[in-house]
Amino acid sequence: MPEEVKVPDEKNKKGPNFLIIIIVVVLLTLVIAAGTSFLILNFLGPNLGQSSGNVGTATTAPVVQTVELLREGSRYAMMLKGGNDIAVVDALMFRVGSSEAGSLINTHRIEIIEAVRMIFLNKTRSEVSSVQGQDFIKKQINDAVNQIIGFTGERENLGVNKVIMIILTVSSAN
Protein backbone atom coordinates (compact mmCIF):
# COMPACT_ATOMS: atom_id res chain seq x y z
CA MET A 1 0.00 0.00 0.00
CA PRO A 2 1.20 3.20 -0.84
CA GLU A 3 2.00 5.42 2.03
CA GLU A 4 -0.12 8.36 2.52
CA VAL A 5 1.66 11.61 2.31
CA LYS A 6 0.40 14.02 4.84
CA VAL A 7 -0.26 17.38 3.35
CA PRO A 8 -0.66 20.08 5.95
CA ASP A 9 -3.97 21.78 5.92
CA GLU A 10 -4.08 25.40 5.13
CA LYS A 11 -6.03 25.93 8.30
CA ASN A 12 -3.25 24.48 10.44
CA LYS A 13 -0.59 26.54 8.69
CA LYS A 14 0.46 29.38 11.03
CA GLY A 15 2.29 32.59 10.21
CA PRO A 16 4.40 34.67 12.59
CA ASN A 17 2.88 35.22 15.98
CA PHE A 18 1.04 38.57 16.45
CA LEU A 19 2.91 39.26 19.70
CA ILE A 20 6.28 38.84 17.99
CA ILE A 21 5.28 41.29 15.25
CA ILE A 22 4.35 43.95 17.83
CA ILE A 23 7.65 43.44 19.71
CA VAL A 24 9.66 43.79 16.50
CA VAL A 25 7.81 46.98 15.50
CA VAL A 26 8.32 48.54 18.95
CA LEU A 27 12.04 47.65 18.99
CA LEU A 28 12.50 49.02 15.47
CA THR A 29 10.75 52.28 16.49
CA LEU A 30 12.97 52.63 19.58
CA VAL A 31 16.14 52.11 17.53
CA ILE A 32 15.07 54.72 14.97
CA ALA A 33 14.12 57.24 17.72
CA ALA A 34 17.41 56.72 19.55
CA GLY A 35 19.40 57.15 16.34
CA THR A 36 17.51 60.30 15.40
CA SER A 37 18.00 61.79 18.87
CA PHE A 38 21.70 60.98 18.76
CA LEU A 39 22.10 62.69 15.37
CA ILE A 40 20.13 65.77 16.44
CA LEU A 41 22.21 66.17 19.61
CA ASN A 42 25.42 65.84 17.63
CA PHE A 43 24.35 68.43 15.04
CA LEU A 44 22.92 70.97 17.51
CA GLY A 45 25.42 70.41 20.29
CA PRO A 46 24.73 70.07 23.97
CA ASN A 47 22.48 72.57 25.72
CA LEU A 48 24.94 73.25 28.53
CA GLY A 49 26.80 76.43 29.42
CA GLN A 50 30.49 76.20 28.65
CA SER A 51 32.59 76.63 31.77
CA SER A 52 36.24 77.62 31.79
CA GLY A 53 37.41 74.53 33.64
CA ASN A 54 35.78 75.45 36.95
CA VAL A 55 33.14 72.92 37.86
CA GLY A 56 31.63 75.07 40.61
CA THR A 57 31.00 78.15 38.48
CA ALA A 58 28.44 78.46 35.75
CA THR A 59 28.46 81.16 33.10
CA THR A 60 25.36 83.32 33.14
CA ALA A 61 24.33 85.91 30.62
CA PRO A 62 23.81 89.36 32.10
CA VAL A 63 20.25 90.22 32.93
CA VAL A 64 19.06 93.34 31.14
CA GLN A 65 16.01 95.01 32.57
CA THR A 66 14.48 98.46 32.40
CA VAL A 67 13.82 100.38 35.61
CA GLU A 68 11.54 103.43 35.59
CA LEU A 69 12.50 106.32 37.82
CA LEU A 70 10.04 108.79 36.31
CA ARG A 71 7.14 107.16 34.48
CA GLU A 72 6.36 108.38 30.99
CA GLY A 73 3.83 111.17 31.18
CA SER A 74 4.88 112.32 34.66
CA ARG A 75 6.13 115.72 33.38
CA TYR A 76 8.60 116.27 36.22
CA ALA A 77 9.92 119.85 36.38
CA MET A 78 13.67 120.30 36.87
CA MET A 79 14.99 123.76 37.68
CA LEU A 80 18.01 124.88 35.66
CA LYS A 81 20.99 127.08 36.56
CA GLY A 82 19.97 130.52 37.78
CA GLY A 83 16.43 129.44 38.70
CA ASN A 84 14.82 131.21 35.71
CA ASP A 85 14.38 128.20 33.42
CA ILE A 86 12.69 124.83 33.92
CA ALA A 87 13.22 121.61 31.96
CA VAL A 88 10.19 119.33 31.88
CA VAL A 89 11.31 115.69 31.98
CA ASP A 90 8.57 113.39 30.70
CA ALA A 91 10.34 110.08 31.40
CA LEU A 92 13.55 108.83 32.96
CA MET A 93 14.42 105.14 32.73
CA PHE A 94 17.53 103.04 33.20
CA ARG A 95 18.72 99.87 31.48
CA VAL A 96 20.54 97.87 34.13
CA GLY A 97 22.73 94.79 33.86
CA SER A 98 21.44 92.95 36.94
CA SER A 99 18.27 92.54 38.91
CA GLU A 100 20.19 93.59 42.04
CA ALA A 101 20.88 96.99 40.48
CA GLY A 102 17.20 97.35 39.59
CA SER A 103 16.09 96.69 43.15
CA LEU A 104 18.75 99.07 44.53
CA ILE A 105 17.51 101.83 42.22
CA ASN A 106 14.01 101.39 43.61
CA THR A 107 15.40 101.39 47.15
CA HIS A 108 17.41 104.62 46.66
CA ARG A 109 14.76 106.33 44.52
CA ILE A 110 14.62 109.65 46.42
CA GLU A 111 18.40 109.95 46.60
CA ILE A 112 18.67 109.33 42.85
CA ILE A 113 15.99 111.92 42.06
CA GLU A 114 17.87 114.43 44.21
CA ALA A 115 21.12 113.68 42.34
CA VAL A 116 19.35 114.18 38.99
CA ARG A 117 17.92 117.49 40.21
CA MET A 118 21.41 118.63 41.25
CA ILE A 119 22.76 117.74 37.80
CA PHE A 120 20.01 119.82 36.18
CA LEU A 121 20.65 122.73 38.58
CA ASN A 122 24.16 123.01 37.12
CA LYS A 123 22.95 123.16 33.49
CA THR A 124 21.92 126.12 31.36
CA ARG A 125 19.07 126.27 28.91
CA SER A 126 21.41 125.82 25.92
CA GLU A 127 23.07 122.74 27.46
CA VAL A 128 19.73 121.04 28.02
CA SER A 129 18.45 121.96 24.56
CA SER A 130 21.36 120.54 22.54
CA VAL A 131 21.92 116.89 21.66
CA GLN A 132 25.47 116.94 22.97
CA GLY A 133 24.28 118.52 26.21
CA GLN A 134 21.60 115.87 26.68
CA ASP A 135 24.14 113.10 26.03
CA PHE A 136 26.44 114.64 28.64
CA ILE A 137 23.55 114.86 31.13
CA LYS A 138 22.76 111.16 30.51
CA LYS A 139 26.39 110.25 31.17
CA GLN A 140 26.42 112.27 34.39
CA ILE A 141 23.15 110.64 35.52
CA ASN A 142 24.56 107.21 34.64
CA ASP A 143 27.70 107.81 36.71
CA ALA A 144 25.77 109.32 39.64
CA VAL A 145 23.28 106.44 39.83
CA ASN A 146 26.03 103.81 39.63
CA GLN A 147 27.86 105.59 42.44
CA ILE A 148 24.71 105.79 44.61
CA ILE A 149 23.85 102.10 44.20
CA GLY A 150 27.49 101.03 44.56
CA PHE A 151 28.17 99.64 41.09
CA THR A 152 31.53 101.20 40.31
CA GLY A 153 34.80 99.78 39.03
CA GLU A 154 34.59 96.16 37.91
CA ARG A 155 30.87 95.91 38.74
CA GLU A 156 29.94 98.94 36.62
CA ASN A 157 28.62 96.78 33.75
CA LEU A 158 26.12 95.19 36.18
CA GLY A 159 24.76 98.62 37.15
CA VAL A 160 23.20 101.24 34.88
CA ASN A 161 24.21 100.66 31.26
CA LYS A 162 21.99 103.21 29.55
CA VAL A 163 19.92 106.22 30.57
CA ILE A 164 16.71 106.87 28.63
CA MET A 165 15.43 110.40 29.15
CA ILE A 166 12.67 112.34 27.42
CA ILE A 167 12.75 116.12 27.86
CA LEU A 168 9.50 117.64 26.64
CA THR A 169 10.38 121.29 26.81
CA VAL A 170 12.57 123.91 28.40
CA SER A 171 10.58 126.93 29.44
CA SER A 172 11.09 130.13 31.32
CA ALA A 173 9.77 130.27 34.90
CA ASN A 174 8.88 133.98 34.62
C-alpha atoms as a PDB file:
ATOM      1  CA  MET A   1       0.000   0.000   0.000  1.00  0.00           C
ATOM      2  CA  PRO A   2       1.199   3.203  -0.844  1.00  0.00           C
ATOM      3  CA  GLU A   3       2.000   5.417   2.027  1.00  0.00           C
ATOM      4  CA  GLU A   4      -0.118   8.360   2.516  1.00  0.00           C
ATOM      5  CA  VAL A   5       1.661  11.609   2.307  1.00  0.00           C
ATOM      6  CA  LYS A   6       0.402  14.023   4.836  1.00  0.00           C
ATOM      7  CA  VAL A   7      -0.260  17.382   3.351  1.00  0.00           C
ATOM      8  CA  PRO A   8      -0.661  20.078   5.953  1.00  0.00           C
ATOM      9  CA  ASP A   9      -3.970  21.780   5.924  1.00  0.00           C
ATOM     10  CA  GLU A  10      -4.083  25.404   5.126  1.00  0.00           C
ATOM     11  CA  LYS A  11      -6.032  25.930   8.300  1.00  0.00           C
ATOM     12  CA  ASN A  12      -3.255  24.475  10.439  1.00  0.00           C
ATOM     13  CA  LYS A  13      -0.591  26.535   8.688  1.00  0.00           C
ATOM     14  CA  LYS A  14       0.460  29.380  11.035  1.00  0.00           C
ATOM     15  CA  GLY A  15       2.293  32.594  10.207  1.00  0.00           C
ATOM     16  CA  PRO A  16       4.397  34.666  12.586  1.00  0.00           C
ATOM     17  CA  ASN A  17       2.877  35.221  15.981  1.00  0.00           C
ATOM     18  CA  PHE A  18       1.045  38.565  16.454  1.00  0.00           C
ATOM     19  CA  LEU A  19       2.907  39.262  19.700  1.00  0.00           C
ATOM     20  CA  ILE A  20       6.283  38.839  17.993  1.00  0.00           C
ATOM     21  CA  ILE A  21       5.285  41.292  15.254  1.00  0.00           C
ATOM     22  CA  ILE A  22       4.355  43.950  17.831  1.00  0.00           C
ATOM     23  CA  ILE A  23       7.647  43.444  19.712  1.00  0.00           C
ATOM     24  CA  VAL A  24       9.661  43.786  16.497  1.00  0.00           C
ATOM     25  CA  VAL A  25       7.807  46.977  15.500  1.00  0.00           C
ATOM     26  CA  VAL A  26       8.323  48.544  18.952  1.00  0.00           C
ATOM     27  CA  LEU A  27      12.039  47.655  18.985  1.00  0.00           C
ATOM     28  CA  LEU A  28      12.503  49.021  15.473  1.00  0.00           C
ATOM     29  CA  THR A  29      10.754  52.285  16.494  1.00  0.00           C
ATOM     30  CA  LEU A  30      12.970  52.628  19.578  1.00  0.00           C
ATOM     31  CA  VAL A  31      16.142  52.114  17.532  1.00  0.00           C
ATOM     32  CA  ILE A  32      15.069  54.725  14.972  1.00  0.00           C
ATOM     33  CA  ALA A  33      14.117  57.236  17.715  1.00  0.00           C
ATOM     34  CA  ALA A  34      17.413  56.725  19.554  1.00  0.00           C
ATOM     35  CA  GLY A  35      19.400  57.145  16.336  1.00  0.00           C
ATOM     36  CA  THR A  36      17.515  60.295  15.399  1.00  0.00           C
ATOM     37  CA  SER A  37      18.003  61.786  18.873  1.00  0.00           C
ATOM     38  CA  PHE A  38      21.701  60.984  18.759  1.00  0.00           C
ATOM     39  CA  LEU A  39      22.096  62.691  15.367  1.00  0.00           C
ATOM     40  CA  ILE A  40      20.131  65.774  16.445  1.00  0.00           C
ATOM     41  CA  LEU A  41      22.207  66.168  19.610  1.00  0.00           C
ATOM     42  CA  ASN A  42      25.417  65.845  17.628  1.00  0.00           C
ATOM     43  CA  PHE A  43      24.352  68.427  15.042  1.00  0.00           C
ATOM     44  CA  LEU A  44      22.921  70.974  17.511  1.00  0.00           C
ATOM     45  CA  GLY A  45      25.419  70.409  20.289  1.00  0.00           C
ATOM     46  CA  PRO A  46      24.730  70.073  23.972  1.00  0.00           C
ATOM     47  CA  ASN A  47      22.477  72.574  25.722  1.00  0.00           C
ATOM     48  CA  LEU A  48      24.939  73.255  28.527  1.00  0.00           C
ATOM     49  CA  GLY A  49      26.802  76.428  29.422  1.00  0.00           C
ATOM     50  CA  GLN A  50      30.492  76.197  28.652  1.00  0.00           C
ATOM     51  CA  SER A  51      32.587  76.629  31.766  1.00  0.00           C
ATOM     52  CA  SER A  52      36.236  77.619  31.793  1.00  0.00           C
ATOM     53  CA  GLY A  53      37.408  74.529  33.639  1.00  0.00           C
ATOM     54  CA  ASN A  54      35.779  75.448  36.948  1.00  0.00           C
ATOM     55  CA  VAL A  55      33.136  72.918  37.856  1.00  0.00           C
ATOM     56  CA  GLY A  56      31.632  75.067  40.614  1.00  0.00           C
ATOM     57  CA  THR A  57      30.997  78.154  38.483  1.00  0.00           C
ATOM     58  CA  ALA A  58      28.444  78.464  35.750  1.00  0.00           C
ATOM     59  CA  THR A  59      28.457  81.164  33.099  1.00  0.00           C
ATOM     60  CA  THR A  60      25.364  83.324  33.145  1.00  0.00           C
ATOM     61  CA  ALA A  61      24.326  85.908  30.624  1.00  0.00           C
ATOM     62  CA  PRO A  62      23.811  89.362  32.096  1.00  0.00           C
ATOM     63  CA  VAL A  63      20.250  90.223  32.926  1.00  0.00           C
ATOM     64  CA  VAL A  64      19.061  93.340  31.138  1.00  0.00           C
ATOM     65  CA  GLN A  65      16.011  95.014  32.575  1.00  0.00           C
ATOM     66  CA  THR A  66      14.481  98.458  32.402  1.00  0.00           C
ATOM     67  CA  VAL A  67      13.816 100.378  35.609  1.00  0.00           C
ATOM     68  CA  GLU A  68      11.540 103.432  35.591  1.00  0.00           C
ATOM     69  CA  LEU A  69      12.503 106.323  37.815  1.00  0.00           C
ATOM     70  CA  LEU A  70      10.041 108.792  36.312  1.00  0.00           C
ATOM     71  CA  ARG A  71       7.139 107.163  34.484  1.00  0.00           C
ATOM     72  CA  GLU A  72       6.363 108.377  30.985  1.00  0.00           C
ATOM     73  CA  GLY A  73       3.830 111.172  31.181  1.00  0.00           C
ATOM     74  CA  SER A  74       4.876 112.319  34.663  1.00  0.00           C
ATOM     75  CA  ARG A  75       6.134 115.723  33.383  1.00  0.00           C
ATOM     76  CA  TYR A  76       8.603 116.267  36.218  1.00  0.00           C
ATOM     77  CA  ALA A  77       9.924 119.848  36.380  1.00  0.00           C
ATOM     78  CA  MET A  78      13.675 120.304  36.871  1.00  0.00           C
ATOM     79  CA  MET A  79      14.989 123.762  37.682  1.00  0.00           C
ATOM     80  CA  LEU A  80      18.008 124.885  35.657  1.00  0.00           C
ATOM     81  CA  LYS A  81      20.990 127.076  36.560  1.00  0.00           C
ATOM     82  CA  GLY A  82      19.972 130.518  37.784  1.00  0.00           C
ATOM     83  CA  GLY A  83      16.429 129.441  38.696  1.00  0.00           C
ATOM     84  CA  ASN A  84      14.825 131.209  35.710  1.00  0.00           C
ATOM     85  CA  ASP A  85      14.382 128.196  33.416  1.00  0.00           C
ATOM     86  CA  ILE A  86      12.687 124.829  33.921  1.00  0.00           C
ATOM     87  CA  ALA A  87      13.222 121.613  31.962  1.00  0.00           C
ATOM     88  CA  VAL A  88      10.186 119.335  31.884  1.00  0.00           C
ATOM     89  CA  VAL A  89      11.307 115.690  31.977  1.00  0.00           C
ATOM     90  CA  ASP A  90       8.573 113.388  30.697  1.00  0.00           C
ATOM     91  CA  ALA A  91      10.338 110.076  31.404  1.00  0.00           C
ATOM     92  CA  LEU A  92      13.553 108.831  32.960  1.00  0.00           C
ATOM     93  CA  MET A  93      14.417 105.140  32.731  1.00  0.00           C
ATOM     94  CA  PHE A  94      17.530 103.037  33.198  1.00  0.00           C
ATOM     95  CA  ARG A  95      18.715  99.871  31.480  1.00  0.00           C
ATOM     96  CA  VAL A  96      20.543  97.872  34.132  1.00  0.00           C
ATOM     97  CA  GLY A  97      22.731  94.787  33.856  1.00  0.00           C
ATOM     98  CA  SER A  98      21.445  92.947  36.937  1.00  0.00           C
ATOM     99  CA  SER A  99      18.266  92.537  38.915  1.00  0.00           C
ATOM    100  CA  GLU A 100      20.187  93.586  42.041  1.00  0.00           C
ATOM    101  CA  ALA A 101      20.880  96.987  40.476  1.00  0.00           C
ATOM    102  CA  GLY A 102      17.204  97.348  39.591  1.00  0.00           C
ATOM    103  CA  SER A 103      16.090  96.686  43.148  1.00  0.00           C
ATOM    104  CA  LEU A 104      18.746  99.067  44.526  1.00  0.00           C
ATOM    105  CA  ILE A 105      17.508 101.834  42.217  1.00  0.00           C
ATOM    106  CA  ASN A 106      14.007 101.387  43.606  1.00  0.00           C
ATOM    107  CA  THR A 107      15.396 101.391  47.154  1.00  0.00           C
ATOM    108  CA  HIS A 108      17.415 104.618  46.656  1.00  0.00           C
ATOM    109  CA  ARG A 109      14.760 106.335  44.521  1.00  0.00           C
ATOM    110  CA  ILE A 110      14.619 109.652  46.419  1.00  0.00           C
ATOM    111  CA  GLU A 111      18.398 109.953  46.603  1.00  0.00           C
ATOM    112  CA  ILE A 112      18.672 109.327  42.853  1.00  0.00           C
ATOM    113  CA  ILE A 113      15.990 111.919  42.060  1.00  0.00           C
ATOM    114  CA  GLU A 114      17.874 114.428  44.208  1.00  0.00           C
ATOM    115  CA  ALA A 115      21.122 113.685  42.339  1.00  0.00           C
ATOM    116  CA  VAL A 116      19.347 114.182  38.989  1.00  0.00           C
ATOM    117  CA  ARG A 117      17.917 117.491  40.212  1.00  0.00           C
ATOM    118  CA  MET A 118      21.411 118.625  41.255  1.00  0.00           C
ATOM    119  CA  ILE A 119      22.757 117.740  37.802  1.00  0.00           C
ATOM    120  CA  PHE A 120      20.013 119.823  36.177  1.00  0.00           C
ATOM    121  CA  LEU A 121      20.650 122.726  38.584  1.00  0.00           C
ATOM    122  CA  ASN A 122      24.162 123.009  37.116  1.00  0.00           C
ATOM    123  CA  LYS A 123      22.949 123.157  33.489  1.00  0.00           C
ATOM    124  CA  THR A 124      21.923 126.123  31.363  1.00  0.00           C
ATOM    125  CA  ARG A 125      19.071 126.266  28.908  1.00  0.00           C
ATOM    126  CA  SER A 126      21.408 125.823  25.921  1.00  0.00           C
ATOM    127  CA  GLU A 127      23.072 122.744  27.460  1.00  0.00           C
ATOM    128  CA  VAL A 128      19.725 121.039  28.023  1.00  0.00           C
ATOM    129  CA  SER A 129      18.453 121.964  24.557  1.00  0.00           C
ATOM    130  CA  SER A 130      21.357 120.544  22.536  1.00  0.00           C
ATOM    131  CA  VAL A 131      21.916 116.886  21.660  1.00  0.00           C
ATOM    132  CA  GLN A 132      25.471 116.937  22.972  1.00  0.00           C
ATOM    133  CA  GLY A 133      24.283 118.524  26.213  1.00  0.00           C
ATOM    134  CA  GLN A 134      21.604 115.866  26.681  1.00  0.00           C
ATOM    135  CA  ASP A 135      24.137 113.099  26.031  1.00  0.00           C
ATOM    136  CA  PHE A 136      26.445 114.637  28.644  1.00  0.00           C
ATOM    137  CA  ILE A 137      23.555 114.857  31.134  1.00  0.00           C
ATOM    138  CA  LYS A 138      22.757 111.162  30.509  1.00  0.00           C
ATOM    139  CA  LYS A 139      26.394 110.250  31.170  1.00  0.00           C
ATOM    140  CA  GLN A 140      26.421 112.268  34.388  1.00  0.00           C
ATOM    141  CA  ILE A 141      23.153 110.644  35.519  1.00  0.00           C
ATOM    142  CA  ASN A 142      24.562 107.207  34.641  1.00  0.00           C
ATOM    143  CA  ASP A 143      27.700 107.808  36.709  1.00  0.00           C
ATOM    144  CA  ALA A 144      25.771 109.318  39.636  1.00  0.00           C
ATOM    145  CA  VAL A 145      23.278 106.444  39.834  1.00  0.00           C
ATOM    146  CA  ASN A 146      26.029 103.813  39.632  1.00  0.00           C
ATOM    147  CA  GLN A 147      27.857 105.586  42.440  1.00  0.00           C
ATOM    148  CA  ILE A 148      24.714 105.793  44.614  1.00  0.00           C
ATOM    149  CA  ILE A 149      23.852 102.100  44.204  1.00  0.00           C
ATOM    150  CA  GLY A 150      27.492 101.032  44.561  1.00  0.00           C
ATOM    151  CA  PHE A 151      28.170  99.641  41.091  1.00  0.00           C
ATOM    152  CA  THR A 152      31.533 101.200  40.308  1.00  0.00           C
ATOM    153  CA  GLY A 153      34.796  99.779  39.027  1.00  0.00           C
ATOM    154  CA  GLU A 154      34.585  96.156  37.909  1.00  0.00           C
ATOM    155  CA  ARG A 155      30.872  95.914  38.739  1.00  0.00           C
ATOM    156  CA  GLU A 156      29.938  98.943  36.621  1.00  0.00           C
ATOM    157  CA  ASN A 157      28.624  96.781  33.750  1.00  0.00           C
ATOM    158  CA  LEU A 158      26.119  95.186  36.178  1.00  0.00           C
ATOM    159  CA  GLY A 159      24.762  98.615  37.146  1.00  0.00           C
ATOM    160  CA  VAL A 160      23.204 101.240  34.885  1.00  0.00           C
ATOM    161  CA  ASN A 161      24.208 100.661  31.261  1.00  0.00           C
ATOM    162  CA  LYS A 162      21.987 103.206  29.550  1.00  0.00           C
ATOM    163  CA  VAL A 163      19.917 106.218  30.568  1.00  0.00           C
ATOM    164  CA  ILE A 164      16.710 106.870  28.634  1.00  0.00           C
ATOM    165  CA  MET A 165      15.432 110.397  29.145  1.00  0.00           C
ATOM    166  CA  ILE A 166      12.675 112.337  27.424  1.00  0.00           C
ATOM    167  CA  ILE A 167      12.747 116.117  27.864  1.00  0.00           C
ATOM    168  CA  LEU A 168       9.496 117.640  26.641  1.00  0.00           C
ATOM    169  CA  THR A 169      10.382 121.293  26.810  1.00  0.00           C
ATOM    170  CA  VAL A 170      12.574 123.914  28.395  1.00  0.00           C
ATOM    171  CA  SER A 171      10.579 126.932  29.441  1.00  0.00           C
ATOM    172  CA  SER A 172      11.089 130.127  31.323  1.00  0.00           C
ATOM    173  CA  ALA A 173       9.769 130.269  34.902  1.00  0.00           C
ATOM    174  CA  ASN A 174       8.876 133.977  34.624  1.00  0.00           C
END
